[in-house]
């Protein structure tokens, strides 16, 4: 929770202490304590309804729906409590059970559940749907174990209230079980406790505990106004009011868009807390000789949901690992390959060349470096545009790869500069000749044909030669390439001229005369 949420919780706790002191110690007598108890519940419920309604008016459409339903739920409960207080404070007689007040009380979990289901969240959609449903089964089974040992089990075994009263009594713990399950599951899957969700869930927990306590005490004929469960209702509604106020108060925290964050560890483990407690209670009952079939069935559901949840987690982790490895491979490829041509970039070529020189130094393996620079490439961009230039570069990359071996490294060093690294005895002159042959065909671009001309410089290191530095080898190949350029470029198209097929062949025929082989 945020600091403001913690402060709101602290203030609520302080108010509750004062409330409990006034009700339990009865400084003004039993009648005053009863009036304080009833009126405090009415005020807390109506205050929560008003705060949720204000927030609904000031929120986005999706949040507005959620807070609107919560406001209606609080209002229904508050009206029910007004009827209860009317019986006790005005008519001065015990409230009958069931009574019209129970209609308002029982509407609360129904309306609040609708509000939770409409909460801005993706927990019931997409790939998280099955995980959410399993977590729901996990929490519901655990809460059933706990409720069966207290409120629900006692209510089921009670009699003397008639069939209608029996149904009303059962509705309290059953409604609380559903509402509490929804609240815990939604909170556990929230990426962050946005919009006061943490305080909302904490308030609903207090209200559900109070309702279940009321159902239990009613079943054993032990409830009176001023009971400890009344503090749960007052505290729960005050927390709902605080959650709504945190959004509308000046200086509130604004959630800005950004990358999705993983759910926090405490919230991710939240469904396992009631599961652990419920299984512990069931296990204690089995060893203690209280082998109840309902408890055993609920425990079986919890264990099955746990196993299915873990299996789903394993499958999710495996799928995530595959995605991470694919993303890592893609990042590595992008880091060491030219995005336009797909060839090795300068960084990868440098690593390969450094490795080749190290093998020459250690094992005297021969290697050769071909430096290829396209002729008049700027004219292609100026005449036909950069799209044509990109197409030429991509076509050159394909042709260079076609005339080299799989183990050779073909790289684009930048612009219109390419390099080929030959290892394991590759003949650089043969490769240069194949490059010349590969450049016979011009590159088609629409209705035009773009001829390919290049100057190639070669630097070779034989078996018995001293291993040069990488900088020295690159410099030798670069000088050889410029020697080839000074010898005369191949014929190139003039601006706007469509060069025919035969002209392209003639252009690259002159290229062979400009291949220089520099040997260190």
Protein backbone atom coordinates (compact mmCIF):
# COMPACT_ATOMS: atom_id res chain seq x y z
CA UNK A 1 0.00 0.00 0.00
CA UNK A 2 1.01 3.62 -0.43
CA UNK A 3 1.81 5.90 2.50
CA UNK A 4 -1.55 7.64 2.13
CA UNK A 5 -3.31 4.26 2.26
CA UNK A 6 -1.39 3.36 5.40
CA UNK A 7 -2.33 6.67 7.01
CA UNK A 8 -5.97 6.06 6.12
CA UNK A 9 -5.78 2.64 7.73
CA UNK A 10 -4.20 4.10 10.85
CA UNK A 11 -6.95 6.74 11.18
CA UNK A 12 -9.59 4.04 10.73
CA UNK A 13 -7.95 1.98 13.45
CA UNK A 14 -7.97 4.93 15.83
CA UNK A 15 -11.66 5.59 15.18
CA UNK A 16 -12.40 1.92 15.80
CA UNK A 17 -10.61 2.01 19.14
CA UNK A 18 -12.77 4.92 20.22
CA UNK A 19 -15.88 3.14 18.96
CA UNK A 20 -15.09 -0.11 20.78
CA UNK A 21 -14.28 1.77 23.97
CA UNK A 22 -17.62 3.62 23.91
CA UNK A 23 -19.63 0.51 23.10
CA UNK A 24 -17.92 -2.01 25.35
CA UNK A 25 -17.14 0.17 28.36
CA UNK A 26 -20.53 1.95 28.17
CA UNK A 27 -19.50 5.18 29.93
CA UNK A 28 -23.00 6.65 29.38
CA UNK A 29 -24.91 3.47 30.17
CA UNK A 30 -26.33 0.63 28.00
CA UNK A 31 -28.86 2.82 26.17
CA UNK A 32 -26.22 5.35 25.11
CA UNK A 33 -23.86 2.56 24.07
CA UNK A 34 -26.61 0.98 21.95
CA UNK A 35 -27.39 4.31 20.29
CA UNK A 36 -23.70 4.93 19.58
CA UNK A 37 -23.39 1.43 18.10
CA UNK A 38 -26.40 1.68 15.78
CA UNK A 39 -25.78 5.26 14.68
CA UNK A 40 -22.08 4.67 14.09
CA UNK A 41 -22.92 1.79 11.71
CA UNK A 42 -25.47 3.92 9.86
CA UNK A 43 -23.06 6.85 9.52
CA UNK A 44 -20.16 4.63 8.39
CA UNK A 45 -22.25 2.87 5.73
CA UNK A 46 -23.80 6.09 4.37
CA UNK A 47 -20.42 7.84 4.44
CA UNK A 48 -18.95 4.99 2.37
CA UNK A 49 -21.89 5.18 -0.05
CA UNK A 50 -21.43 8.95 -0.50
CA UNK A 51 -17.63 8.66 -0.97
CA UNK A 52 -18.00 5.86 -3.53
CA UNK A 53 -20.68 7.83 -5.39
CA UNK A 54 -18.44 10.93 -5.57
CA UNK A 55 -15.60 8.84 -6.84
CA UNK A 56 -17.84 7.21 -9.45
CA UNK A 57 -18.74 10.66 -10.76
CA UNK A 58 -15.09 11.71 -11.06
CA UNK A 59 -13.62 8.49 -12.49
CA UNK A 60 -13.28 7.04 -15.96
CA UNK A 61 -16.15 5.01 -17.37
CA UNK A 62 -14.87 1.59 -16.29
CA UNK A 63 -13.89 2.75 -12.81
CA UNK A 64 -17.14 4.67 -12.55
CA UNK A 65 -19.14 1.46 -12.99
CA UNK A 66 -17.19 -0.32 -10.25
CA UNK A 67 -17.50 2.50 -7.74
CA UNK A 68 -21.14 3.01 -8.64
CA UNK A 69 -21.96 -0.59 -7.73
CA UNK A 70 -19.98 -0.29 -4.49
CA UNK A 71 -21.89 2.90 -3.65
CA UNK A 72 -25.20 1.06 -4.24
CA UNK A 73 -24.02 -1.83 -2.05
CA UNK A 74 -23.08 0.49 0.82
CA UNK A 75 -26.37 2.39 0.48
CA UNK A 76 -28.40 -0.86 0.60
CA UNK A 77 -26.59 -1.94 3.76
CA UNK A 78 -26.97 1.52 5.31
CA UNK A 79 -30.73 1.50 4.69
CA UNK A 80 -30.96 -1.93 6.26
CA UNK A 81 -29.11 -0.65 9.30
CA UNK A 82 -31.48 2.33 9.47
CA UNK A 83 -34.38 -0.12 9.81
CA UNK A 84 -32.45 -2.05 12.43
CA UNK A 85 -31.80 1.15 14.40
CA UNK A 86 -35.48 2.11 14.06
CA UNK A 87 -36.52 -1.10 15.78
CA UNK A 88 -34.00 -0.70 18.59
CA UNK A 89 -33.88 3.06 19.19
CA UNK A 90 -37.37 4.23 18.25
CA UNK A 91 -39.60 1.20 18.78
CA UNK A 92 -37.34 0.06 21.65
CA UNK A 93 -37.71 -3.63 20.97
CA UNK A 94 -35.51 -6.38 19.65
CA UNK A 95 -35.22 -6.56 15.87
CA UNK A 96 -37.02 -9.65 14.57
CA UNK A 97 -35.15 -12.19 12.47
CA UNK A 98 -35.66 -12.27 9.59
CA UNK A 99 -36.69 -8.64 9.14
CA UNK A 100 -36.85 -6.12 6.27
CA UNK A 101 -33.41 -4.97 7.38
CA UNK A 102 -31.97 -8.29 6.18
CA UNK A 103 -32.96 -7.41 2.60
CA UNK A 104 -30.57 -4.45 2.66
CA UNK A 105 -27.84 -6.45 4.38
CA UNK A 106 -28.04 -9.33 1.89
CA UNK A 107 -28.03 -6.99 -1.10
CA UNK A 108 -24.59 -5.78 -0.09
CA UNK A 109 -22.54 -8.86 -1.16
CA UNK A 110 -24.51 -9.15 -4.41
CA UNK A 111 -23.96 -5.52 -5.46
CA UNK A 112 -20.36 -5.46 -4.20
CA UNK A 113 -19.59 -8.62 -6.19
CA UNK A 114 -20.87 -6.95 -9.36
CA UNK A 115 -18.63 -3.99 -8.59
CA UNK A 116 -15.59 -6.23 -8.22
CA UNK A 117 -16.36 -8.11 -11.43
CA UNK A 118 -16.53 -4.81 -13.32
CA UNK A 119 -13.26 -3.58 -11.81
CA UNK A 120 -10.72 -2.40 -14.46
CA UNK A 121 -8.72 -5.60 -14.69
CA UNK A 122 -7.81 -8.37 -17.12
CA UNK A 123 -7.95 -11.20 -14.60
CA UNK A 124 -10.93 -12.89 -16.24
CA UNK A 125 -9.77 -12.43 -19.81
CA UNK A 126 -6.97 -13.57 -22.08
CA UNK A 127 -4.19 -15.94 -21.09
CA UNK A 128 -4.66 -15.34 -17.34
CA UNK A 129 -8.23 -16.64 -17.31
CA UNK A 130 -7.40 -20.23 -16.34
CA UNK A 131 -4.93 -19.16 -13.70
CA UNK A 132 -7.55 -16.84 -12.23
CA UNK A 133 -10.20 -19.58 -12.16
CA UNK A 134 -7.80 -21.98 -10.43
CA UNK A 135 -6.91 -19.34 -7.88
CA UNK A 136 -10.62 -18.79 -7.32
CA UNK A 137 -11.14 -22.51 -6.66
CA UNK A 138 -8.13 -22.46 -4.37
CA UNK A 139 -9.40 -19.56 -2.28
CA UNK A 140 -13.05 -20.66 -2.29
CA UNK A 141 -12.19 -24.17 -1.12
CA UNK A 142 -9.99 -22.84 1.67
CA UNK A 143 -12.61 -20.33 2.82
CA UNK A 144 -15.26 -23.06 2.74
CA UNK A 145 -13.15 -25.12 5.16
CA UNK A 146 -12.80 -22.16 7.51
CA UNK A 147 -16.46 -21.11 7.22
CA UNK A 148 -17.74 -24.66 7.68
CA UNK A 149 -15.89 -24.90 10.97
CA UNK A 150 -17.43 -21.63 12.17
CA UNK A 151 -20.36 -19.67 10.69
CA UNK A 152 -21.58 -21.84 7.81
CA UNK A 153 -21.37 -25.17 9.60
CA UNK A 154 -23.07 -23.80 12.70
CA UNK A 155 -25.81 -22.20 10.59
CA UNK A 156 -26.45 -25.43 8.66
CA UNK A 157 -26.78 -27.42 11.87
CA UNK A 158 -29.03 -24.84 13.58
CA UNK A 159 -32.84 -25.16 13.55
CA UNK A 160 -35.85 -23.39 15.01
CA UNK A 161 -35.89 -20.38 12.66
CA UNK A 162 -38.16 -21.87 10.00
CA UNK A 163 -37.31 -22.53 6.37
CA UNK A 164 -37.25 -18.84 5.38
CA UNK A 165 -35.15 -17.82 8.36
CA UNK A 166 -32.87 -20.80 7.70
CA UNK A 167 -32.33 -19.65 4.11
CA UNK A 168 -31.62 -16.08 5.23
CA UNK A 169 -29.13 -17.33 7.81
CA UNK A 170 -27.31 -19.40 5.17
CA UNK A 171 -27.22 -16.45 2.77
CA UNK A 172 -24.89 -14.47 5.01
CA UNK A 173 -21.89 -16.86 5.11
CA UNK A 174 -22.42 -18.04 1.52
CA UNK A 175 -22.53 -14.47 0.17
CA UNK A 176 -19.47 -13.57 2.21
CA UNK A 177 -17.60 -16.60 0.88
CA UNK A 178 -18.24 -15.59 -2.75
CA UNK A 179 -17.45 -11.91 -2.16
CA UNK A 180 -14.26 -12.62 -0.24
CA UNK A 181 -13.06 -15.06 -2.91
CA UNK A 182 -13.56 -12.45 -5.64
CA UNK A 183 -11.81 -9.76 -3.61
CA UNK A 184 -8.72 -11.85 -2.83
CA UNK A 185 -8.36 -13.21 -6.38
CA UNK A 186 -8.69 -9.78 -8.01
CA UNK A 187 -6.19 -8.25 -5.58
CA UNK A 188 -3.70 -11.09 -6.12
CA UNK A 189 -3.75 -10.57 -9.89
CA UNK A 190 -3.63 -6.78 -9.89
CA UNK A 191 -0.41 -5.39 -11.39
CA UNK A 192 -0.51 -2.73 -8.71
CA UNK A 193 -3.05 -1.79 -6.03
CA UNK A 194 -4.45 0.90 -8.30
CA UNK A 195 -7.30 3.16 -7.30
CA UNK A 196 -7.33 2.12 -3.63
CA UNK A 197 -7.96 -1.55 -4.42
CA UNK A 198 -5.96 -2.67 -1.41
CA UNK A 199 -8.12 -0.66 1.01
CA UNK A 200 -11.28 -1.84 -0.78
CA UNK A 201 -10.34 -5.48 -0.29
CA UNK A 202 -9.32 -4.93 3.34
CA UNK A 203 -12.65 -3.22 3.99
CA UNK A 204 -14.56 -6.09 2.36
CA UNK A 205 -12.63 -8.59 4.47
CA UNK A 206 -13.73 -6.82 7.67
CA UNK A 207 -17.33 -6.68 6.47
CA UNK A 208 -17.36 -10.37 5.53
CA UNK A 209 -15.86 -11.37 8.87
CA UNK A 210 -18.48 -9.27 10.65
CA UNK A 211 -21.32 -10.80 8.57
CA UNK A 212 -20.10 -14.34 9.21
CA UNK A 213 -19.73 -13.58 12.89
CA UNK A 214 -23.29 -12.23 12.93
CA UNK A 215 -24.58 -15.40 11.24
CA UNK A 216 -22.73 -17.58 13.76
CA UNK A 217 -23.94 -15.65 16.80
CA UNK A 218 -27.50 -15.58 15.43
CA UNK A 219 -27.41 -19.34 14.91
CA UNK A 220 -26.40 -19.92 18.54
CA UNK A 221 -28.78 -17.15 19.71
CA UNK A 222 -25.88 -15.09 21.02
CA UNK A 223 -25.98 -11.83 19.06
CA UNK A 224 -26.83 -8.53 20.72
CA UNK A 225 -26.14 -4.96 19.66
CA UNK A 226 -22.71 -4.01 20.93
CA UNK A 227 -21.14 -7.35 20.03
CA UNK A 228 -17.57 -7.44 18.77
CA UNK A 229 -18.75 -8.06 15.20
CA UNK A 230 -20.18 -4.51 15.05
CA UNK A 231 -16.64 -3.11 14.98
CA UNK A 232 -16.04 -5.05 11.76
CA UNK A 233 -18.94 -3.29 10.02
CA UNK A 234 -17.88 0.17 11.17
CA UNK A 235 -14.22 -0.43 10.25
CA UNK A 236 -15.04 -2.01 6.89
CA UNK A 237 -17.20 0.88 5.72
CA UNK A 238 -14.68 3.45 6.93
CA UNK A 239 -11.98 1.74 4.86
CA UNK A 240 -14.23 1.79 1.78
CA UNK A 241 -14.82 5.50 2.32
CA UNK A 242 -11.07 6.07 2.73
CA UNK A 243 -10.32 4.15 -0.48
CA UNK A 244 -12.77 6.30 -2.42
CA UNK A 245 -11.45 9.52 -0.87
CA UNK A 246 -7.84 8.75 -1.79
CA UNK A 247 -8.73 9.03 -5.47
CA UNK A 248 -10.63 12.31 -5.26
CA UNK A 249 -8.43 14.10 -2.73
CA UNK A 250 -6.15 16.91 -4.00
CA UNK A 251 -2.59 15.86 -4.76
CA UNK A 252 -3.56 12.27 -5.41
CA UNK A 253 -1.06 9.98 -7.06
CA UNK A 254 -1.50 9.87 -10.83
CA UNK A 255 -0.89 6.60 -12.64
CA UNK A 256 1.03 7.37 -15.80
CA UNK A 257 1.17 5.00 -18.76
CA UNK A 258 4.28 2.90 -19.01
CA UNK A 259 5.52 -0.64 -19.49
CA UNK A 260 3.51 -3.34 -17.76
CA UNK A 261 4.92 -4.39 -14.44
CA UNK A 262 4.89 -7.82 -12.92
CA UNK A 263 2.54 -8.38 -10.03
CA UNK A 264 4.29 -8.06 -6.67
CA UNK A 265 5.37 -11.19 -4.82
CA UNK A 266 3.08 -10.70 -1.79
CA UNK A 267 -0.02 -10.34 -4.00
CA UNK A 268 1.06 -13.26 -6.20
CA UNK A 269 1.27 -15.47 -3.09
CA UNK A 270 -2.00 -14.18 -1.64
CA UNK A 271 -4.19 -17.14 -2.77
CA UNK A 272 -1.80 -19.55 -1.08
CA UNK A 273 -2.30 -17.97 2.37
CA UNK A 274 -5.94 -19.04 2.87
CA UNK A 275 -5.12 -22.34 1.13
CA UNK A 276 -2.39 -23.07 3.67
CA UNK A 277 -4.59 -22.10 6.61
CA UNK A 278 -7.56 -24.09 5.28
CA UNK A 279 -5.52 -27.24 4.66
CA UNK A 280 -3.98 -26.95 8.11
CA UNK A 281 -7.44 -26.78 9.69
CA UNK A 282 -8.65 -29.74 7.62
CA UNK A 283 -5.57 -31.77 8.48
CA UNK A 284 -5.94 -31.00 12.18
CA UNK A 285 -9.55 -32.11 12.03
CA UNK A 286 -8.66 -35.39 10.34
CA UNK A 287 -6.00 -36.23 12.90
CA UNK A 288 -8.28 -35.06 15.72
CA UNK A 289 -10.97 -37.52 14.74
CA UNK A 290 -13.38 -34.91 13.27
CA UNK A 291 -13.66 -36.43 9.81
CA UNK A 292 -16.29 -34.22 8.27
CA UNK A 293 -17.16 -35.04 4.61
CA UNK A 294 -17.64 -31.36 3.67
CA UNK A 295 -14.22 -30.43 5.02
CA UNK A 296 -12.66 -33.43 3.28
CA UNK A 297 -14.32 -32.52 -0.04
CA UNK A 298 -13.23 -28.88 0.21
CA UNK A 299 -9.69 -29.95 1.04
CA UNK A 300 -9.67 -32.21 -2.02
CA UNK A 301 -10.71 -29.25 -4.20
CA UNK A 302 -7.92 -27.12 -2.71
CA UNK A 303 -5.28 -29.79 -3.31
CA UNK A 304 -6.47 -30.39 -6.88
CA UNK A 305 -6.44 -26.64 -7.58
CA UNK A 306 -2.94 -26.39 -6.11
CA UNK A 307 -1.60 -29.15 -8.35
CA UNK A 308 -3.29 -27.73 -11.45
CA UNK A 309 -2.05 -24.25 -10.57
CA UNK A 310 1.54 -25.46 -10.27
CA UNK A 311 1.28 -27.39 -13.54
CA UNK A 312 0.01 -24.25 -15.24
CA UNK A 313 2.86 -22.27 -13.70
CA UNK A 314 5.39 -24.77 -15.09
CA UNK A 315 3.85 -24.50 -18.56
CA UNK A 316 3.76 -20.71 -18.32
CA UNK A 317 7.40 -20.61 -17.25
CA UNK A 318 8.41 -22.87 -20.11
CA UNK A 319 6.58 -20.68 -22.63
CA UNK A 320 8.15 -17.60 -21.07
CA UNK A 321 11.61 -19.19 -21.30
CA UNK A 322 11.07 -19.90 -25.00
CA UNK A 323 10.04 -16.28 -25.55
CA UNK A 324 13.04 -14.99 -23.61
CA UNK A 325 15.46 -17.17 -25.56
CA UNK A 326 13.88 -16.10 -28.85
CA UNK A 327 14.09 -12.45 -27.82
CA UNK A 328 17.69 -12.90 -26.72
CA UNK A 329 18.57 -14.53 -30.03
CA UNK A 330 16.84 -11.70 -31.90
CA UNK A 331 18.71 -9.07 -29.87
CA UNK A 332 22.03 -10.81 -30.48
CA UNK A 333 21.25 -11.00 -34.20
CA UNK A 334 20.35 -7.30 -34.29
CA UNK A 335 23.50 -6.39 -32.38
CA UNK A 336 25.82 -8.21 -34.82
CA UNK A 337 24.01 -7.98 -38.16
CA UNK A 338 23.24 -5.20 -40.58
CA UNK A 339 19.49 -4.44 -40.48
CA UNK A 340 19.21 -3.72 -44.23
CA UNK A 341 21.08 -6.68 -45.73
CA UNK A 342 21.15 -9.18 -42.90
CA UNK A 343 24.93 -9.57 -43.30
CA UNK A 344 27.38 -9.47 -40.43
CA UNK A 345 28.03 -5.90 -39.29
CA UNK A 346 31.36 -4.27 -38.48
CA UNK A 347 31.32 -5.51 -34.87
CA UNK A 348 30.79 -9.17 -35.78
CA UNK A 349 33.25 -8.97 -38.67
CA UNK A 350 35.88 -7.57 -36.29
CA UNK A 351 35.36 -10.48 -33.91
CA UNK A 352 35.62 -13.03 -36.72
CA UNK A 353 38.76 -11.36 -38.11
CA UNK A 354 40.35 -11.22 -34.67
CA UNK A 355 39.58 -14.92 -34.18
CA UNK A 356 41.01 -15.80 -37.62
CA UNK A 357 44.26 -13.96 -36.87
CA UNK A 358 44.53 -15.75 -33.53
CA UNK A 359 44.17 -19.13 -35.32
CA UNK A 360 46.88 -18.05 -37.77
CA UNK A 361 49.16 -17.10 -34.91
CA UNK A 362 48.54 -20.40 -33.11
CA UNK A 363 48.01 -22.95 -35.93
CA UNK A 364 49.39 -21.06 -38.98
CA UNK A 365 46.03 -21.22 -40.75
CA UNK A 366 45.96 -19.10 -43.88
CA UNK A 367 43.33 -16.40 -44.25
CA UNK A 368 42.42 -13.75 -46.80
CA UNK A 369 40.45 -10.54 -46.67
CA UNK A 370 38.53 -9.09 -49.63
CA UNK A 371 37.48 -5.45 -49.39
CA UNK A 372 34.63 -4.67 -51.82
CA UNK A 373 33.57 -1.08 -52.51
CA UNK A 374 30.74 -0.34 -54.98
CA UNK A 375 31.50 2.15 -57.77
CA UNK A 376 29.33 5.21 -58.34
CA UNK A 377 26.83 4.11 -55.72
CA UNK A 378 26.07 7.71 -54.81
CA UNK A 379 24.90 8.24 -58.38
CA UNK A 380 22.32 5.49 -57.93
CA UNK A 381 20.88 7.25 -54.88
CA UNK A 382 20.93 10.64 -56.57
CA UNK A 383 19.39 9.39 -59.82
CA UNK A 384 16.87 6.76 -58.78
CA UNK A 385 16.46 7.52 -55.07
CA UNK A 386 17.37 5.78 -51.85
CA UNK A 387 14.85 2.98 -52.40
CA UNK A 388 16.84 1.94 -55.45
CA UNK A 389 20.06 2.23 -53.46
CA UNK A 390 18.69 -0.02 -50.71
CA UNK A 391 17.57 -2.55 -53.31
CA UNK A 392 21.06 -2.60 -54.85
CA UNK A 393 22.69 -3.14 -51.44
CA UNK A 394 20.33 -6.01 -50.64
CA UNK A 395 20.94 -7.59 -54.07
CA UNK A 396 24.72 -7.26 -53.66
CA UNK A 397 24.47 -9.00 -50.26
CA UNK A 398 22.57 -11.93 -51.80
CA UNK A 399 25.08 -12.29 -54.63
CA UNK A 400 28.07 -12.13 -52.30
CA UNK A 401 26.60 -14.87 -50.13
CA UNK A 402 25.86 -16.99 -53.19
CA UNK A 403 29.51 -17.08 -54.34
CA UNK A 404 31.06 -17.71 -50.91
CA UNK A 405 31.12 -20.74 -48.66
CA UNK A 406 29.01 -21.23 -45.57
CA UNK A 407 32.05 -20.85 -43.31
CA UNK A 408 33.15 -17.57 -44.94
CA UNK A 409 32.14 -14.31 -43.32
CA UNK A 410 30.42 -11.75 -45.55
CA UNK A 411 29.87 -8.37 -43.90
CA UNK A 412 28.59 -4.93 -44.68
CA UNK A 413 30.97 -2.50 -43.02
CA UNK A 414 28.84 0.56 -43.74
CA UNK A 415 27.45 2.49 -46.69
CA UNK A 416 28.46 0.68 -49.89
CA UNK A 417 31.47 -1.09 -48.34
CA UNK A 418 31.51 -4.87 -48.01
CA UNK A 419 34.14 -7.35 -46.83
CA UNK A 420 34.64 -11.09 -47.18
CA UNK A 421 36.81 -13.07 -44.76
CA UNK A 422 38.14 -16.39 -46.09
CA UNK A 423 39.55 -18.99 -43.73
CA UNK A 424 40.61 -22.63 -44.01
CA UNK A 425 42.47 -22.24 -47.29
CA UNK A 426 39.93 -20.33 -49.38
CA UNK A 427 41.42 -18.90 -52.60
CA UNK A 428 40.75 -15.12 -52.65
CA UNK A 429 41.39 -14.76 -56.38
CA UNK A 430 38.80 -17.42 -57.22
CA UNK A 431 36.29 -15.70 -54.91
CA UNK A 432 37.03 -12.33 -56.55
CA UNK A 433 36.43 -13.89 -59.96
CA UNK A 434 33.13 -15.36 -58.81
CA UNK A 435 32.10 -11.93 -57.48
CA UNK A 436 32.87 -10.44 -60.90
CA UNK A 437 30.77 -13.13 -62.57
CA UNK A 438 27.95 -12.59 -60.06
CA UNK A 439 27.87 -8.89 -60.93
CA UNK A 440 27.28 -9.53 -64.65
CA UNK A 441 23.54 -9.11 -64.25
CA UNK A 442 22.21 -5.60 -63.44
CA UNK A 443 19.70 -5.05 -60.66
CA UNK A 444 16.15 -4.48 -61.98
CA UNK A 445 14.34 -1.54 -60.41
CA UNK A 446 10.93 -0.94 -61.93
CA UNK A 447 11.51 -0.41 -65.64
CA UNK A 448 15.18 0.49 -65.08
CA UNK A 449 18.28 -1.70 -64.79
CA UNK A 450 20.98 -0.64 -62.37
CA UNK A 451 24.44 -2.03 -63.26
CA UNK A 452 26.74 -3.13 -60.45
CA UNK A 453 30.36 -2.04 -60.45
CA UNK A 454 32.87 -2.58 -57.65
CA UNK A 455 36.53 -2.23 -56.79
CA UNK A 456 38.02 -5.13 -54.85
CA UNK A 457 41.14 -5.11 -52.75
CA UNK A 458 42.69 -8.34 -51.44
CA UNK A 459 45.02 -8.90 -48.51
CA UNK A 460 46.21 -12.47 -47.86
CA UNK A 461 48.23 -14.03 -45.05
CA UNK A 462 49.94 -17.31 -45.97
CA UNK A 463 50.80 -20.26 -43.73
CA UNK A 464 54.43 -19.29 -43.24
CA UNK A 465 53.94 -15.52 -42.86
CA UNK A 466 54.11 -13.54 -39.66
CA UNK A 467 50.66 -12.78 -38.23
CA UNK A 468 49.82 -9.10 -38.80
CA UNK A 469 47.66 -7.00 -36.54
CA UNK A 470 44.02 -6.60 -37.44
CA UNK A 471 44.55 -2.90 -38.18
CA UNK A 472 47.48 -3.66 -40.49
CA UNK A 473 45.55 -6.30 -42.43
CA UNK A 474 42.55 -4.00 -42.88
CA UNK A 475 44.84 -1.21 -44.04
CA UNK A 476 46.47 -3.47 -46.65
CA UNK A 477 43.08 -4.52 -48.04
CA UNK A 478 41.90 -0.92 -48.05
CA UNK A 479 45.00 0.26 -49.96
CA UNK A 480 44.55 -2.55 -52.48
CA UNK A 481 40.93 -1.51 -53.03
CA UNK A 482 41.95 2.11 -53.68
CA UNK A 483 44.63 0.89 -56.09
CA UNK A 484 41.85 -0.86 -58.00
CA UNK A 485 39.72 2.31 -58.00
CA UNK A 486 42.61 4.42 -59.32
CA UNK A 487 43.06 1.89 -62.12
CA UNK A 488 39.67 3.01 -63.48
CA UNK A 489 36.04 2.44 -62.50
CA UNK A 490 33.64 0.33 -64.44
CA UNK A 491 31.21 2.06 -66.75
CA UNK A 492 28.25 3.41 -64.78
CA UNK A 493 24.86 4.83 -65.85
CA UNK A 494 24.50 8.54 -66.26
CA UNK A 495 21.74 10.24 -64.34
CA UNK A 496 18.33 9.22 -65.61
CA UNK A 497 19.75 6.68 -68.10
CA UNK A 498 18.28 3.18 -68.21
CA UNK A 499 21.23 0.88 -68.82
CA UNK A 500 20.42 -2.15 -70.98
CA UNK A 501 21.48 -5.68 -70.19
CA UNK A 502 24.50 -5.73 -72.54
CA UNK A 503 25.81 -2.47 -71.16
CA UNK A 504 25.84 -3.96 -67.69
CA UNK A 505 27.88 -6.94 -68.82
CA UNK A 506 30.40 -4.62 -70.49
CA UNK A 507 30.59 -2.51 -67.37
CA UNK A 508 31.63 -5.35 -65.09
CA UNK A 509 33.93 -6.89 -67.71
CA UNK A 510 36.32 -4.03 -67.04
CA UNK A 511 36.20 -4.85 -63.33
CA UNK A 512 38.57 -7.80 -63.60
CA UNK A 513 41.40 -5.51 -64.60
CA UNK A 514 41.00 -3.58 -61.38
CA UNK A 515 41.41 -6.44 -58.89
CA UNK A 516 44.66 -5.97 -57.00
CA UNK A 517 46.13 -8.63 -54.77
CA UNK A 518 48.35 -7.22 -52.06
CA UNK A 519 50.48 -9.75 -50.21
CA UNK A 520 52.20 -8.74 -47.02
